[in-house]
Amino acid sequence: MSDKKKADEFYKKLKEQLQESTTWPATYLYKFIVKTDAEKITTIESIFNHSGAVINTTESKKGTYTSVSINVVMKDPDAVISKYIEVSDNVEGVISL
């Protein structure tokens, strides 16, 4: 199965889960892990710029990786998914949790 097909199935399932479990608009917590690189972290932060997001970053013990947590009010599951896609399209090697 191709990576694109896997991603499409993942987002379809996520959308169904979000629709069933949440009343929208709602606060959503994104968590991303990237290799510690100021440019990658800045790119993630800029994707959520001007959205009222609260962004926290935490470096791993050895400083190799950085966790980026973002709390933001999203209008619906489609908006949540579009941000995941935007981050994965713009930040190489990002892990979405």
C-alpha atoms as a PDB file:
ATOM      1  CA  MET A   1       0.000   0.000   0.000  1.00  0.00           C
ATOM      2  CA  SER A   2       1.379   3.419  -0.930  1.00  0.00           C
ATOM      3  CA  ASP A   3       2.216   6.054   1.673  1.00  0.00           C
ATOM      4  CA  LYS A   4      -0.377   8.391   0.130  1.00  0.00           C
ATOM      5  CA  LYS A   5      -3.100   5.751   0.439  1.00  0.00           C
ATOM      6  CA  LYS A   6      -2.103   5.018   4.055  1.00  0.00           C
ATOM      7  CA  ALA A   7      -2.224   8.730   4.865  1.00  0.00           C
ATOM      8  CA  ASP A   8      -5.632   9.134   3.192  1.00  0.00           C
ATOM      9  CA  GLU A   9      -7.034   6.227   5.217  1.00  0.00           C
ATOM     10  CA  PHE A  10      -5.515   7.596   8.420  1.00  0.00           C
ATOM     11  CA  TYR A  11      -7.058  11.043   7.889  1.00  0.00           C
ATOM     12  CA  LYS A  12     -10.430   9.553   6.965  1.00  0.00           C
ATOM     13  CA  LYS A  13     -10.463   7.541  10.210  1.00  0.00           C
ATOM     14  CA  LEU A  14      -9.272  10.546  12.229  1.00  0.00           C
ATOM     15  CA  LYS A  15     -12.067  12.697  10.762  1.00  0.00           C
ATOM     16  CA  GLU A  16     -14.690  10.115  11.741  1.00  0.00           C
ATOM     17  CA  GLN A  17     -13.291   9.884  15.285  1.00  0.00           C
ATOM     18  CA  LEU A  18     -13.200  13.669  15.687  1.00  0.00           C
ATOM     19  CA  GLN A  19     -16.762  14.047  14.417  1.00  0.00           C
ATOM     20  CA  GLU A  20     -18.029  11.434  16.870  1.00  0.00           C
ATOM     21  CA  SER A  21     -16.082  12.528  19.940  1.00  0.00           C
ATOM     22  CA  THR A  22     -16.037  16.315  19.808  1.00  0.00           C
ATOM     23  CA  THR A  23     -18.437  19.238  19.564  1.00  0.00           C
ATOM     24  CA  TRP A  24     -17.006  21.812  17.152  1.00  0.00           C
ATOM     25  CA  PRO A  25     -15.455  24.385  17.312  1.00  0.00           C
ATOM     26  CA  ALA A  26     -13.117  22.934  19.947  1.00  0.00           C
ATOM     27  CA  THR A  27      -9.628  23.248  21.349  1.00  0.00           C
ATOM     28  CA  TYR A  28      -7.331  20.695  19.745  1.00  0.00           C
ATOM     29  CA  LEU A  29      -3.866  19.612  20.877  1.00  0.00           C
ATOM     30  CA  TYR A  30      -1.343  18.923  18.138  1.00  0.00           C
ATOM     31  CA  LYS A  31       1.937  17.212  19.017  1.00  0.00           C
ATOM     32  CA  PHE A  32       4.829  17.030  16.614  1.00  0.00           C
ATOM     33  CA  ILE A  33       8.355  15.705  17.035  1.00  0.00           C
ATOM     34  CA  VAL A  34      11.202  16.919  14.837  1.00  0.00           C
ATOM     35  CA  LYS A  35      14.973  16.738  14.894  1.00  0.00           C
ATOM     36  CA  THR A  36      16.111  19.815  16.773  1.00  0.00           C
ATOM     37  CA  ASP A  37      16.421  22.361  13.978  1.00  0.00           C
ATOM     38  CA  ALA A  38      15.381  25.992  14.423  1.00  0.00           C
ATOM     39  CA  GLU A  39      14.145  26.219  10.828  1.00  0.00           C
ATOM     40  CA  LYS A  40      11.826  23.203  11.201  1.00  0.00           C
ATOM     41  CA  ILE A  41      10.443  24.456  14.504  1.00  0.00           C
ATOM     42  CA  THR A  42       9.896  27.948  13.069  1.00  0.00           C
ATOM     43  CA  THR A  43       8.093  26.461  10.059  1.00  0.00           C
ATOM     44  CA  ILE A  44       5.684  24.555  12.322  1.00  0.00           C
ATOM     45  CA  GLU A  45       5.088  27.658  14.435  1.00  0.00           C
ATOM     46  CA  SER A  46       4.457  29.794  11.339  1.00  0.00           C
ATOM     47  CA  ILE A  47       1.776  27.367  10.105  1.00  0.00           C
ATOM     48  CA  PHE A  48      -0.195  28.143  13.280  1.00  0.00           C
ATOM     49  CA  ASN A  49       0.689  31.870  13.285  1.00  0.00           C
ATOM     50  CA  HIS A  50      -2.246  34.275  13.734  1.00  0.00           C
ATOM     51  CA  SER A  51      -4.551  31.476  14.920  1.00  0.00           C
ATOM     52  CA  GLY A  52      -4.408  32.205  18.648  1.00  0.00           C
ATOM     53  CA  ALA A  53      -2.379  29.041  19.214  1.00  0.00           C
ATOM     54  CA  VAL A  54      -0.433  28.395  22.404  1.00  0.00           C
ATOM     55  CA  ILE A  55       2.835  26.752  21.361  1.00  0.00           C
ATOM     56  CA  ASN A  56       5.268  24.972  23.679  1.00  0.00           C
ATOM     57  CA  THR A  57       8.542  23.329  22.705  1.00  0.00           C
ATOM     58  CA  THR A  58      10.552  20.827  24.718  1.00  0.00           C
ATOM     59  CA  GLU A  59      13.955  19.442  23.755  1.00  0.00           C
ATOM     60  CA  SER A  60      14.803  15.817  24.429  1.00  0.00           C
ATOM     61  CA  LYS A  61      17.326  15.063  27.151  1.00  0.00           C
ATOM     62  CA  LYS A  62      20.203  14.845  24.641  1.00  0.00           C
ATOM     63  CA  GLY A  63      18.850  17.750  22.571  1.00  0.00           C
ATOM     64  CA  THR A  64      18.508  15.639  19.430  1.00  0.00           C
ATOM     65  CA  TYR A  65      14.737  16.025  19.089  1.00  0.00           C
ATOM     66  CA  THR A  66      12.201  18.697  19.950  1.00  0.00           C
ATOM     67  CA  SER A  67       8.564  18.157  20.833  1.00  0.00           C
ATOM     68  CA  VAL A  68       6.234  20.922  19.629  1.00  0.00           C
ATOM     69  CA  SER A  69       2.827  21.037  21.368  1.00  0.00           C
ATOM     70  CA  ILE A  70       0.173  23.344  19.978  1.00  0.00           C
ATOM     71  CA  ASN A  71      -3.167  24.117  21.626  1.00  0.00           C
ATOM     72  CA  VAL A  72      -5.512  25.893  19.262  1.00  0.00           C
ATOM     73  CA  VAL A  73      -9.251  26.304  18.685  1.00  0.00           C
ATOM     74  CA  MET A  74     -10.221  24.617  15.422  1.00  0.00           C
ATOM     75  CA  LYS A  75     -13.574  25.016  13.656  1.00  0.00           C
ATOM     76  CA  ASP A  76     -14.060  21.402  12.514  1.00  0.00           C
ATOM     77  CA  PRO A  77     -12.281  18.092  11.788  1.00  0.00           C
ATOM     78  CA  ASP A  78     -11.417  19.205   8.244  1.00  0.00           C
ATOM     79  CA  ALA A  79      -9.505  22.191   9.653  1.00  0.00           C
ATOM     80  CA  VAL A  80      -7.615  19.884  12.045  1.00  0.00           C
ATOM     81  CA  ILE A  81      -6.621  17.557   9.219  1.00  0.00           C
ATOM     82  CA  SER A  82      -5.621  20.380   6.871  1.00  0.00           C
ATOM     83  CA  LYS A  83      -3.074  21.593   9.464  1.00  0.00           C
ATOM     84  CA  TYR A  84      -1.625  18.084   9.821  1.00  0.00           C
ATOM     85  CA  ILE A  85      -1.247  17.893   6.044  1.00  0.00           C
ATOM     86  CA  GLU A  86       0.275  21.372   5.838  1.00  0.00           C
ATOM     87  CA  VAL A  87       2.871  20.497   8.481  1.00  0.00           C
ATOM     88  CA  SER A  88       3.769  17.154   6.887  1.00  0.00           C
ATOM     89  CA  ASP A  89       4.054  18.796   3.448  1.00  0.00           C
ATOM     90  CA  ASN A  90       6.366  21.555   4.720  1.00  0.00           C
ATOM     91  CA  VAL A  91       8.525  19.934   7.412  1.00  0.00           C
ATOM     92  CA  GLU A  92      10.708  17.018   6.359  1.00  0.00           C
ATOM     93  CA  GLY A  93      10.912  14.160   8.840  1.00  0.00           C
ATOM     94  CA  VAL A  94       8.175  15.435  11.171  1.00  0.00           C
ATOM     95  CA  ILE A  95       6.384  12.880  13.334  1.00  0.00           C
ATOM     96  CA  SER A  96       2.760  13.677  14.160  1.00  0.00           C
ATOM     97  CA  LEU A  97       1.339  12.257  17.375  1.00  0.00           C
END
